[in-house]
N, C-alpha and C. Protein backbone atom coordinates (compact mmCIF):
# COMPACT_ATOMS: atom_id res chain seq x y z
N UNK A 1 25.90 13.78 -104.10
CA UNK A 1 25.26 12.50 -103.86
C UNK A 1 26.28 11.52 -103.29
N UNK A 2 25.95 10.89 -102.15
CA UNK A 2 26.87 9.99 -101.46
C UNK A 2 26.66 8.56 -101.96
N UNK A 3 27.71 7.98 -102.53
CA UNK A 3 27.63 6.63 -103.07
C UNK A 3 28.38 5.62 -102.21
N UNK A 4 28.67 5.97 -100.97
CA UNK A 4 29.40 5.05 -100.11
C UNK A 4 28.56 3.81 -99.82
N UNK A 5 29.20 2.68 -99.92
CA UNK A 5 28.53 1.41 -99.66
C UNK A 5 28.38 1.26 -98.16
N UNK A 6 27.19 0.88 -97.70
CA UNK A 6 26.92 0.74 -96.28
C UNK A 6 27.49 -0.56 -95.74
N UNK A 7 27.62 -0.63 -94.43
CA UNK A 7 28.05 -1.86 -93.78
C UNK A 7 27.07 -2.99 -94.09
N UNK A 8 25.79 -2.67 -94.10
CA UNK A 8 24.76 -3.69 -94.37
C UNK A 8 24.97 -4.31 -95.74
N UNK A 9 25.26 -3.49 -96.73
CA UNK A 9 25.51 -3.99 -98.08
C UNK A 9 26.78 -4.84 -98.11
N UNK A 10 27.82 -4.38 -97.43
CA UNK A 10 29.06 -5.15 -97.38
C UNK A 10 28.85 -6.50 -96.70
N UNK A 11 28.09 -6.51 -95.62
CA UNK A 11 27.81 -7.77 -94.91
C UNK A 11 27.07 -8.73 -95.82
N UNK A 12 26.07 -8.23 -96.53
CA UNK A 12 25.32 -9.10 -97.46
C UNK A 12 26.26 -9.70 -98.51
N UNK A 13 27.13 -8.84 -99.04
CA UNK A 13 28.07 -9.32 -100.06
C UNK A 13 29.06 -10.33 -99.47
N UNK A 14 29.51 -10.08 -98.24
CA UNK A 14 30.43 -11.02 -97.58
C UNK A 14 29.76 -12.38 -97.39
N UNK A 15 28.51 -12.38 -97.01
CA UNK A 15 27.78 -13.63 -96.82
C UNK A 15 27.68 -14.44 -98.12
N UNK A 16 27.75 -13.75 -99.23
CA UNK A 16 27.70 -14.44 -100.54
C UNK A 16 29.10 -14.82 -101.02
N UNK A 17 30.12 -14.57 -100.17
CA UNK A 17 31.47 -14.99 -100.51
C UNK A 17 32.31 -13.95 -101.23
N UNK A 18 31.90 -12.70 -101.21
CA UNK A 18 32.63 -11.63 -101.88
C UNK A 18 33.83 -11.20 -101.04
N UNK A 19 35.02 -11.63 -101.45
CA UNK A 19 36.25 -11.32 -100.71
C UNK A 19 36.57 -9.83 -100.71
N UNK A 20 36.24 -9.14 -101.78
CA UNK A 20 36.50 -7.69 -101.83
C UNK A 20 35.62 -6.94 -100.83
N UNK A 21 34.41 -7.41 -100.64
CA UNK A 21 33.52 -6.79 -99.65
C UNK A 21 34.09 -7.00 -98.25
N UNK A 22 34.62 -8.20 -97.98
CA UNK A 22 35.23 -8.46 -96.68
C UNK A 22 36.43 -7.55 -96.45
N UNK A 23 37.26 -7.41 -97.48
CA UNK A 23 38.42 -6.53 -97.37
C UNK A 23 37.98 -5.09 -97.09
N UNK A 24 36.93 -4.64 -97.76
CA UNK A 24 36.42 -3.28 -97.54
C UNK A 24 35.89 -3.12 -96.12
N UNK A 25 35.20 -4.13 -95.62
CA UNK A 25 34.66 -4.09 -94.26
C UNK A 25 35.80 -4.02 -93.23
N UNK A 26 36.83 -4.82 -93.44
CA UNK A 26 37.99 -4.81 -92.54
C UNK A 26 38.68 -3.46 -92.58
N UNK A 27 38.95 -2.95 -93.78
CA UNK A 27 39.63 -1.65 -93.91
C UNK A 27 38.82 -0.53 -93.24
N UNK A 28 37.52 -0.59 -93.40
CA UNK A 28 36.66 0.45 -92.83
C UNK A 28 36.72 0.47 -91.31
N UNK A 29 36.86 -0.70 -90.70
CA UNK A 29 36.73 -0.78 -89.25
C UNK A 29 38.00 -1.15 -88.50
N UNK A 30 39.12 -1.39 -89.20
CA UNK A 30 40.31 -1.87 -88.50
C UNK A 30 40.87 -0.86 -87.51
N UNK A 31 40.90 0.40 -87.86
CA UNK A 31 41.46 1.38 -86.91
C UNK A 31 40.52 1.58 -85.72
N UNK A 32 39.23 1.55 -85.97
CA UNK A 32 38.25 1.67 -84.89
C UNK A 32 38.37 0.49 -83.94
N UNK A 33 38.48 -0.70 -84.51
CA UNK A 33 38.59 -1.91 -83.69
C UNK A 33 39.88 -1.89 -82.87
N UNK A 34 40.98 -1.48 -83.49
CA UNK A 34 42.24 -1.37 -82.76
C UNK A 34 42.10 -0.38 -81.61
N UNK A 35 41.46 0.75 -81.88
CA UNK A 35 41.27 1.78 -80.86
C UNK A 35 40.49 1.23 -79.67
N UNK A 36 39.44 0.48 -79.95
CA UNK A 36 38.65 -0.12 -78.87
C UNK A 36 39.52 -1.09 -78.07
N UNK A 37 40.21 -1.96 -78.77
CA UNK A 37 41.06 -2.95 -78.09
C UNK A 37 42.13 -2.26 -77.26
N UNK A 38 42.73 -1.23 -77.81
CA UNK A 38 43.78 -0.51 -77.08
C UNK A 38 43.21 0.16 -75.83
N UNK A 39 42.01 0.72 -75.94
CA UNK A 39 41.39 1.36 -74.78
C UNK A 39 41.12 0.36 -73.66
N UNK A 40 40.82 -0.86 -73.99
CA UNK A 40 40.61 -1.88 -72.97
C UNK A 40 41.94 -2.43 -72.44
N UNK A 41 42.84 -2.75 -73.35
CA UNK A 41 44.04 -3.51 -72.99
C UNK A 41 45.23 -2.63 -72.61
N UNK A 42 45.27 -1.40 -73.13
CA UNK A 42 46.34 -0.45 -72.85
C UNK A 42 47.72 -0.97 -73.26
N UNK A 43 47.75 -1.83 -74.28
CA UNK A 43 48.99 -2.40 -74.78
C UNK A 43 48.83 -2.60 -76.28
N UNK A 44 49.71 -2.00 -77.07
CA UNK A 44 49.57 -2.03 -78.53
C UNK A 44 49.63 -3.44 -79.11
N UNK A 45 50.58 -4.25 -78.66
CA UNK A 45 50.71 -5.61 -79.21
C UNK A 45 49.49 -6.45 -78.88
N UNK A 46 49.03 -6.36 -77.64
CA UNK A 46 47.83 -7.10 -77.25
C UNK A 46 46.62 -6.62 -78.06
N UNK A 47 46.53 -5.30 -78.26
CA UNK A 47 45.42 -4.74 -79.03
C UNK A 47 45.46 -5.23 -80.48
N UNK A 48 46.65 -5.31 -81.07
CA UNK A 48 46.77 -5.84 -82.44
C UNK A 48 46.33 -7.30 -82.50
N UNK A 49 46.80 -8.09 -81.54
CA UNK A 49 46.44 -9.51 -81.52
C UNK A 49 44.93 -9.69 -81.37
N UNK A 50 44.34 -8.96 -80.44
CA UNK A 50 42.90 -9.09 -80.22
C UNK A 50 42.13 -8.61 -81.44
N UNK A 51 42.59 -7.54 -82.06
CA UNK A 51 41.91 -7.03 -83.27
C UNK A 51 41.88 -8.10 -84.35
N UNK A 52 43.00 -8.76 -84.56
CA UNK A 52 43.04 -9.83 -85.57
C UNK A 52 42.10 -10.96 -85.19
N UNK A 53 42.12 -11.35 -83.92
CA UNK A 53 41.23 -12.42 -83.45
C UNK A 53 39.76 -12.03 -83.64
N UNK A 54 39.45 -10.78 -83.38
CA UNK A 54 38.07 -10.32 -83.51
C UNK A 54 37.62 -10.40 -84.96
N UNK A 55 38.47 -10.00 -85.89
CA UNK A 55 38.08 -10.09 -87.30
C UNK A 55 37.87 -11.54 -87.73
N UNK A 56 38.65 -12.45 -87.20
CA UNK A 56 38.43 -13.87 -87.50
C UNK A 56 37.07 -14.30 -86.95
N UNK A 57 36.77 -13.91 -85.70
CA UNK A 57 35.47 -14.25 -85.11
C UNK A 57 34.33 -13.65 -85.92
N UNK A 58 34.49 -12.40 -86.32
CA UNK A 58 33.44 -11.73 -87.10
C UNK A 58 33.20 -12.50 -88.40
N UNK A 59 34.27 -12.85 -89.07
CA UNK A 59 34.14 -13.57 -90.34
C UNK A 59 33.39 -14.88 -90.14
N UNK A 60 33.76 -15.60 -89.09
CA UNK A 60 33.12 -16.89 -88.82
C UNK A 60 31.67 -16.74 -88.37
N UNK A 61 31.36 -15.64 -87.69
CA UNK A 61 30.02 -15.46 -87.12
C UNK A 61 29.13 -14.53 -87.94
N UNK A 62 29.58 -14.12 -89.11
CA UNK A 62 28.84 -13.15 -89.91
C UNK A 62 27.40 -13.59 -90.18
N UNK A 63 27.20 -14.88 -90.33
CA UNK A 63 25.85 -15.39 -90.59
C UNK A 63 24.92 -15.22 -89.39
N UNK A 64 25.49 -15.02 -88.19
CA UNK A 64 24.66 -14.87 -87.00
C UNK A 64 24.14 -13.44 -86.81
N UNK A 65 24.70 -12.49 -87.55
CA UNK A 65 24.21 -11.11 -87.48
C UNK A 65 22.85 -11.07 -88.17
N UNK A 66 21.83 -10.74 -87.38
CA UNK A 66 20.47 -10.73 -87.91
C UNK A 66 20.28 -9.60 -88.92
N UNK A 67 19.52 -9.89 -89.95
CA UNK A 67 19.19 -8.88 -90.96
C UNK A 67 18.53 -7.70 -90.26
N UNK A 68 19.00 -6.51 -90.53
CA UNK A 68 18.43 -5.30 -89.92
C UNK A 68 19.20 -4.83 -88.70
N UNK A 69 20.02 -5.71 -88.09
CA UNK A 69 20.83 -5.29 -86.95
C UNK A 69 22.04 -4.52 -87.46
N UNK A 70 22.42 -3.51 -86.73
CA UNK A 70 23.56 -2.68 -87.12
C UNK A 70 24.86 -3.46 -86.90
N UNK A 71 25.75 -3.35 -87.86
CA UNK A 71 27.03 -4.07 -87.80
C UNK A 71 27.93 -3.54 -86.68
N UNK A 72 28.05 -2.21 -86.57
CA UNK A 72 29.00 -1.61 -85.63
C UNK A 72 28.78 -2.05 -84.19
N UNK A 73 27.57 -1.93 -83.62
CA UNK A 73 27.39 -2.39 -82.24
C UNK A 73 27.68 -3.89 -82.08
N UNK A 74 27.32 -4.67 -83.09
CA UNK A 74 27.58 -6.11 -83.05
C UNK A 74 29.09 -6.36 -83.02
N UNK A 75 29.82 -5.67 -83.87
CA UNK A 75 31.28 -5.80 -83.92
C UNK A 75 31.89 -5.38 -82.58
N UNK A 76 31.42 -4.27 -82.02
CA UNK A 76 31.97 -3.77 -80.77
C UNK A 76 31.67 -4.71 -79.61
N UNK A 77 30.52 -5.38 -79.65
CA UNK A 77 30.20 -6.37 -78.61
C UNK A 77 31.21 -7.52 -78.66
N UNK A 78 31.50 -8.00 -79.85
CA UNK A 78 32.49 -9.07 -80.01
C UNK A 78 33.86 -8.59 -79.54
N UNK A 79 34.21 -7.37 -79.91
CA UNK A 79 35.51 -6.81 -79.51
C UNK A 79 35.60 -6.67 -77.99
N UNK A 80 34.56 -6.14 -77.40
CA UNK A 80 34.55 -5.96 -75.94
C UNK A 80 34.71 -7.30 -75.23
N UNK A 81 33.93 -8.28 -75.64
CA UNK A 81 34.01 -9.59 -75.01
C UNK A 81 35.39 -10.22 -75.19
N UNK A 82 35.97 -10.04 -76.37
CA UNK A 82 37.31 -10.58 -76.62
C UNK A 82 38.35 -9.89 -75.75
N UNK A 83 38.21 -8.59 -75.58
CA UNK A 83 39.15 -7.84 -74.73
C UNK A 83 39.03 -8.28 -73.27
N UNK A 84 37.81 -8.44 -72.81
CA UNK A 84 37.61 -8.89 -71.43
C UNK A 84 38.20 -10.29 -71.24
N UNK A 85 37.98 -11.17 -72.21
CA UNK A 85 38.58 -12.51 -72.13
C UNK A 85 40.10 -12.42 -72.10
N UNK A 86 40.69 -11.57 -72.94
CA UNK A 86 42.14 -11.43 -72.98
C UNK A 86 42.66 -10.88 -71.66
N UNK A 87 41.96 -9.90 -71.09
CA UNK A 87 42.39 -9.35 -69.80
C UNK A 87 42.37 -10.43 -68.72
N UNK A 88 41.33 -11.24 -68.71
CA UNK A 88 41.27 -12.34 -67.74
C UNK A 88 42.43 -13.31 -67.94
N UNK A 89 42.70 -13.63 -69.19
CA UNK A 89 43.79 -14.54 -69.51
C UNK A 89 45.13 -13.97 -69.06
N UNK A 90 45.36 -12.70 -69.37
CA UNK A 90 46.62 -12.06 -68.99
C UNK A 90 46.78 -12.00 -67.47
N UNK A 91 45.69 -11.72 -66.80
CA UNK A 91 45.74 -11.61 -65.34
C UNK A 91 46.09 -12.96 -64.71
N UNK A 92 45.58 -14.03 -65.29
CA UNK A 92 45.83 -15.35 -64.71
C UNK A 92 47.16 -15.95 -65.16
N UNK A 93 47.71 -15.47 -66.27
CA UNK A 93 48.89 -16.10 -66.86
C UNK A 93 50.17 -15.28 -66.75
N UNK A 94 50.07 -13.98 -66.61
CA UNK A 94 51.25 -13.12 -66.71
C UNK A 94 52.18 -13.34 -65.51
N UNK A 95 53.37 -13.91 -65.77
CA UNK A 95 54.31 -14.12 -64.68
C UNK A 95 54.99 -12.81 -64.31
N UNK A 96 55.38 -12.72 -63.08
CA UNK A 96 56.13 -11.55 -62.65
C UNK A 96 57.57 -11.74 -63.09
N UNK A 97 58.10 -10.76 -63.75
CA UNK A 97 59.47 -10.85 -64.26
C UNK A 97 60.39 -10.09 -63.30
N UNK A 98 61.39 -10.77 -62.82
CA UNK A 98 62.36 -10.14 -61.94
C UNK A 98 63.65 -9.96 -62.74
N UNK A 99 64.09 -8.73 -62.83
CA UNK A 99 65.30 -8.41 -63.59
C UNK A 99 66.34 -7.90 -62.61
N UNK A 100 67.51 -8.51 -62.63
CA UNK A 100 68.57 -7.98 -61.75
C UNK A 100 68.85 -6.52 -62.09
N UNK A 101 69.13 -5.75 -61.09
CA UNK A 101 69.34 -4.31 -61.25
C UNK A 101 70.43 -3.98 -62.27
N UNK A 102 71.48 -4.80 -62.34
CA UNK A 102 72.56 -4.50 -63.28
C UNK A 102 72.12 -4.66 -64.74
N UNK A 103 71.01 -5.40 -64.99
CA UNK A 103 70.50 -5.57 -66.35
C UNK A 103 69.34 -4.63 -66.68
N UNK A 104 68.92 -3.87 -65.70
CA UNK A 104 67.75 -3.02 -65.90
C UNK A 104 67.95 -2.00 -67.01
N UNK A 105 69.16 -1.50 -67.18
CA UNK A 105 69.42 -0.50 -68.23
C UNK A 105 69.29 -1.10 -69.62
N UNK A 106 69.40 -2.44 -69.73
CA UNK A 106 69.31 -3.10 -71.03
C UNK A 106 67.88 -3.30 -71.50
N UNK A 107 66.92 -3.16 -70.59
CA UNK A 107 65.52 -3.37 -70.94
C UNK A 107 65.03 -2.21 -71.79
N UNK A 108 64.42 -2.57 -72.91
CA UNK A 108 63.90 -1.53 -73.80
C UNK A 108 62.72 -0.84 -73.13
N UNK A 109 62.72 0.45 -73.15
CA UNK A 109 61.65 1.22 -72.53
C UNK A 109 60.83 1.87 -73.65
N UNK A 110 59.56 1.47 -73.75
CA UNK A 110 58.67 2.05 -74.76
C UNK A 110 58.05 3.35 -74.30
N UNK A 111 58.29 3.73 -73.06
CA UNK A 111 57.70 4.96 -72.55
C UNK A 111 58.30 6.16 -73.27
N UNK A 112 57.48 7.15 -73.55
CA UNK A 112 58.02 8.34 -74.20
C UNK A 112 58.96 9.08 -73.24
N UNK A 113 59.96 9.70 -73.81
CA UNK A 113 60.90 10.49 -73.00
C UNK A 113 60.18 11.75 -72.52
N UNK A 114 60.73 12.39 -71.49
CA UNK A 114 60.13 13.64 -71.04
C UNK A 114 60.05 14.69 -72.16
N UNK A 115 61.07 14.68 -73.04
CA UNK A 115 61.05 15.62 -74.15
C UNK A 115 59.88 15.34 -75.10
N UNK A 116 59.66 14.02 -75.36
CA UNK A 116 58.54 13.65 -76.22
C UNK A 116 57.22 14.04 -75.59
N UNK A 117 57.09 13.79 -74.28
CA UNK A 117 55.85 14.15 -73.59
C UNK A 117 55.60 15.65 -73.66
N UNK A 118 56.67 16.41 -73.49
CA UNK A 118 56.53 17.86 -73.59
C UNK A 118 56.13 18.26 -75.00
N UNK A 119 56.81 17.65 -75.99
CA UNK A 119 56.52 17.95 -77.38
C UNK A 119 55.09 17.53 -77.75
N UNK A 120 54.66 16.38 -77.24
CA UNK A 120 53.33 15.86 -77.54
C UNK A 120 52.25 16.47 -76.67
N UNK A 121 52.54 17.53 -75.99
CA UNK A 121 51.61 18.10 -75.03
C UNK A 121 50.30 18.56 -75.63
N UNK A 122 49.81 17.83 -76.58
CA UNK A 122 48.59 18.19 -77.28
C UNK A 122 47.36 17.80 -76.47
N UNK A 123 46.24 18.26 -76.91
CA UNK A 123 44.97 17.91 -76.26
C UNK A 123 44.70 16.42 -76.32
N UNK A 124 45.09 15.78 -77.42
CA UNK A 124 44.87 14.35 -77.56
C UNK A 124 45.65 13.58 -76.51
N UNK A 125 46.90 13.95 -76.32
CA UNK A 125 47.73 13.29 -75.31
C UNK A 125 47.16 13.50 -73.92
N UNK A 126 46.76 14.71 -73.64
CA UNK A 126 46.17 15.01 -72.35
C UNK A 126 44.89 14.20 -72.14
N UNK A 127 44.08 14.13 -73.17
CA UNK A 127 42.84 13.37 -73.07
C UNK A 127 43.11 11.89 -72.85
N UNK A 128 44.07 11.32 -73.56
CA UNK A 128 44.42 9.90 -73.38
C UNK A 128 44.92 9.64 -71.95
N UNK A 129 45.75 10.54 -71.46
CA UNK A 129 46.25 10.38 -70.08
C UNK A 129 45.10 10.47 -69.09
N UNK A 130 44.20 11.41 -69.32
CA UNK A 130 43.05 11.57 -68.42
C UNK A 130 42.15 10.34 -68.48
N UNK A 131 41.92 9.83 -69.69
CA UNK A 131 41.11 8.62 -69.82
C UNK A 131 41.73 7.46 -69.05
N UNK A 132 43.04 7.39 -69.07
CA UNK A 132 43.74 6.32 -68.37
C UNK A 132 43.56 6.35 -66.87
N UNK A 133 43.18 7.49 -66.32
CA UNK A 133 42.99 7.60 -64.87
C UNK A 133 41.57 7.23 -64.44
N UNK A 134 40.65 7.15 -65.40
CA UNK A 134 39.26 6.85 -65.06
C UNK A 134 39.07 5.38 -64.69
N UNK A 135 38.07 5.12 -63.90
CA UNK A 135 37.68 3.74 -63.62
C UNK A 135 37.28 3.11 -64.95
N UNK A 136 37.49 1.81 -65.09
CA UNK A 136 37.27 1.15 -66.38
C UNK A 136 35.84 1.32 -66.89
N UNK A 137 34.86 1.31 -66.00
CA UNK A 137 33.47 1.49 -66.44
C UNK A 137 33.22 2.85 -67.06
N UNK A 138 33.80 3.88 -66.47
CA UNK A 138 33.66 5.23 -67.02
C UNK A 138 34.42 5.36 -68.34
N UNK A 139 35.63 4.80 -68.37
CA UNK A 139 36.43 4.85 -69.59
C UNK A 139 35.69 4.13 -70.73
N UNK A 140 35.06 3.03 -70.41
CA UNK A 140 34.33 2.26 -71.41
C UNK A 140 33.15 3.07 -71.98
N UNK A 141 32.42 3.74 -71.11
CA UNK A 141 31.28 4.56 -71.56
C UNK A 141 31.77 5.69 -72.47
N UNK A 142 32.82 6.40 -72.05
CA UNK A 142 33.38 7.49 -72.87
C UNK A 142 33.83 6.95 -74.22
N UNK A 143 34.54 5.81 -74.19
CA UNK A 143 35.05 5.24 -75.43
C UNK A 143 33.89 4.87 -76.37
N UNK A 144 32.88 4.21 -75.86
CA UNK A 144 31.79 3.77 -76.71
C UNK A 144 30.95 4.94 -77.23
N UNK A 145 30.67 5.89 -76.37
CA UNK A 145 29.79 6.99 -76.76
C UNK A 145 30.53 8.09 -77.53
N UNK A 146 31.58 8.59 -76.94
CA UNK A 146 32.23 9.78 -77.50
C UNK A 146 33.31 9.48 -78.52
N UNK A 147 33.96 8.33 -78.41
CA UNK A 147 35.02 8.01 -79.35
C UNK A 147 34.48 7.16 -80.50
N UNK A 148 33.67 6.13 -80.15
CA UNK A 148 33.14 5.24 -81.18
C UNK A 148 31.80 5.71 -81.74
N UNK A 149 31.15 6.66 -81.08
CA UNK A 149 29.94 7.26 -81.62
C UNK A 149 28.67 6.44 -81.47
N UNK A 150 28.65 5.49 -80.53
CA UNK A 150 27.43 4.72 -80.32
C UNK A 150 26.39 5.57 -79.61
N UNK A 151 25.14 5.26 -79.87
CA UNK A 151 24.04 5.93 -79.18
C UNK A 151 23.86 5.28 -77.81
N UNK A 152 23.24 6.02 -76.90
CA UNK A 152 23.07 5.50 -75.54
C UNK A 152 22.29 4.18 -75.52
N UNK A 153 21.27 4.04 -76.37
CA UNK A 153 20.50 2.79 -76.38
C UNK A 153 21.35 1.63 -76.91
N UNK A 154 22.27 1.90 -77.83
CA UNK A 154 23.16 0.86 -78.32
C UNK A 154 24.14 0.43 -77.23
N UNK A 155 24.61 1.41 -76.46
CA UNK A 155 25.52 1.11 -75.34
C UNK A 155 24.76 0.31 -74.28
N UNK A 156 23.53 0.68 -74.04
CA UNK A 156 22.69 -0.04 -73.08
C UNK A 156 22.57 -1.51 -73.48
N UNK A 157 22.31 -1.76 -74.76
CA UNK A 157 22.21 -3.14 -75.25
C UNK A 157 23.55 -3.86 -75.15
N UNK A 158 24.62 -3.18 -75.56
CA UNK A 158 25.95 -3.79 -75.57
C UNK A 158 26.39 -4.19 -74.17
N UNK A 159 26.16 -3.31 -73.20
CA UNK A 159 26.61 -3.56 -71.83
C UNK A 159 25.56 -4.27 -70.99
N UNK A 160 24.40 -4.51 -71.57
CA UNK A 160 23.25 -5.10 -70.87
C UNK A 160 22.96 -4.36 -69.56
N UNK A 161 22.84 -3.04 -69.70
CA UNK A 161 22.51 -2.17 -68.59
C UNK A 161 21.25 -1.38 -68.94
N UNK A 162 20.46 -1.01 -67.94
CA UNK A 162 19.30 -0.16 -68.23
C UNK A 162 19.75 1.18 -68.83
N UNK A 163 18.92 1.72 -69.71
CA UNK A 163 19.25 2.98 -70.38
C UNK A 163 19.52 4.10 -69.37
N UNK A 164 18.73 4.17 -68.31
CA UNK A 164 18.92 5.20 -67.29
C UNK A 164 20.29 5.10 -66.62
N UNK A 165 20.74 3.89 -66.40
CA UNK A 165 22.07 3.66 -65.81
C UNK A 165 23.16 4.15 -66.76
N UNK A 166 23.00 3.85 -68.04
CA UNK A 166 23.98 4.29 -69.03
C UNK A 166 24.01 5.82 -69.10
N UNK A 167 22.83 6.44 -69.07
CA UNK A 167 22.78 7.91 -69.11
C UNK A 167 23.49 8.52 -67.91
N UNK A 168 23.21 7.99 -66.72
CA UNK A 168 23.83 8.57 -65.52
C UNK A 168 25.33 8.30 -65.50
N UNK A 169 25.75 7.10 -65.94
CA UNK A 169 27.19 6.81 -65.98
C UNK A 169 27.89 7.67 -67.03
N UNK A 170 27.22 7.93 -68.14
CA UNK A 170 27.79 8.78 -69.17
C UNK A 170 28.02 10.19 -68.62
N UNK A 171 27.02 10.70 -67.93
CA UNK A 171 27.14 12.04 -67.34
C UNK A 171 28.27 12.07 -66.31
N UNK A 172 28.29 11.07 -65.44
CA UNK A 172 29.31 11.01 -64.39
C UNK A 172 30.72 10.82 -65.00
N UNK A 173 30.79 10.02 -66.06
CA UNK A 173 32.08 9.78 -66.73
C UNK A 173 32.64 11.07 -67.30
N UNK A 174 31.77 11.89 -67.90
CA UNK A 174 32.22 13.16 -68.46
C UNK A 174 32.72 14.10 -67.37
N UNK A 175 32.01 14.11 -66.24
CA UNK A 175 32.45 14.95 -65.12
C UNK A 175 33.81 14.47 -64.60
N UNK A 176 33.96 13.15 -64.44
CA UNK A 176 35.23 12.58 -63.97
C UNK A 176 36.36 12.88 -64.96
N UNK A 177 36.05 12.78 -66.26
CA UNK A 177 37.07 13.06 -67.28
C UNK A 177 37.50 14.52 -67.22
N UNK A 178 36.53 15.41 -67.08
CA UNK A 178 36.86 16.84 -66.98
C UNK A 178 37.74 17.11 -65.76
N UNK A 179 37.40 16.47 -64.65
CA UNK A 179 38.20 16.64 -63.43
C UNK A 179 39.61 16.08 -63.63
N UNK A 180 39.71 14.94 -64.29
CA UNK A 180 41.02 14.32 -64.54
C UNK A 180 41.87 15.23 -65.42
N UNK A 181 41.26 15.84 -66.43
CA UNK A 181 41.99 16.75 -67.32
C UNK A 181 42.50 17.95 -66.50
N UNK A 182 41.64 18.52 -65.66
CA UNK A 182 42.06 19.66 -64.85
C UNK A 182 43.15 19.27 -63.85
N UNK A 183 43.09 18.06 -63.34
CA UNK A 183 44.11 17.60 -62.39
C UNK A 183 45.46 17.43 -63.10
N UNK A 184 45.42 16.85 -64.29
CA UNK A 184 46.65 16.63 -65.04
C UNK A 184 47.25 17.93 -65.59
N UNK A 185 46.38 18.88 -65.91
CA UNK A 185 46.86 20.15 -66.46
C UNK A 185 45.99 21.28 -65.91
N UNK A 186 46.36 21.80 -64.73
CA UNK A 186 45.55 22.85 -64.10
C UNK A 186 45.34 24.09 -64.97
N UNK A 187 46.23 24.30 -65.94
CA UNK A 187 46.08 25.47 -66.81
C UNK A 187 45.07 25.23 -67.91
N UNK A 188 44.66 23.98 -68.11
CA UNK A 188 43.74 23.65 -69.20
C UNK A 188 42.38 24.28 -68.94
N UNK A 189 41.87 25.00 -69.92
CA UNK A 189 40.55 25.63 -69.82
C UNK A 189 40.57 26.91 -69.00
N UNK A 190 41.75 27.33 -68.53
CA UNK A 190 41.81 28.55 -67.71
C UNK A 190 41.84 29.78 -68.57
């Protein structure tokens, strides 16, 4: 018998001021929210910042979630919009940094070494690299459907696209992802 408390129950309790319910809701969704933010922003620090901002927005807007509406798609809509806003902000604000060549060796490089890449040659790494090559619309569909587990009709509502469009983009995104995986690793699936 499954006694897990549902998101709906946690939301109701949060609305009544139950801090433990809020903590449970955050713990349940923090890694998922970070994953979504990272998939949009492709930067860990930005994803952490946006995730925190999103939880603040969720807390403040919890009363606007209509009774009977699913929490997850609502949360992902807020996360998506926050990520898009952050991307716009970064695009308009990010200055180009010029570093003299003699100081270039001093810059910390977060990129994995070739040895790490070889060691991490797992399917997950390959999939992440392949996802990174997709157009943002395809990457978004894959992330929402296959990684976050949303249904096509929920994605349709979230993206305000017709269901048929979401279905065709989902199909095309999977084909593009498969091609990207084969391009990055021709031996994969052979």
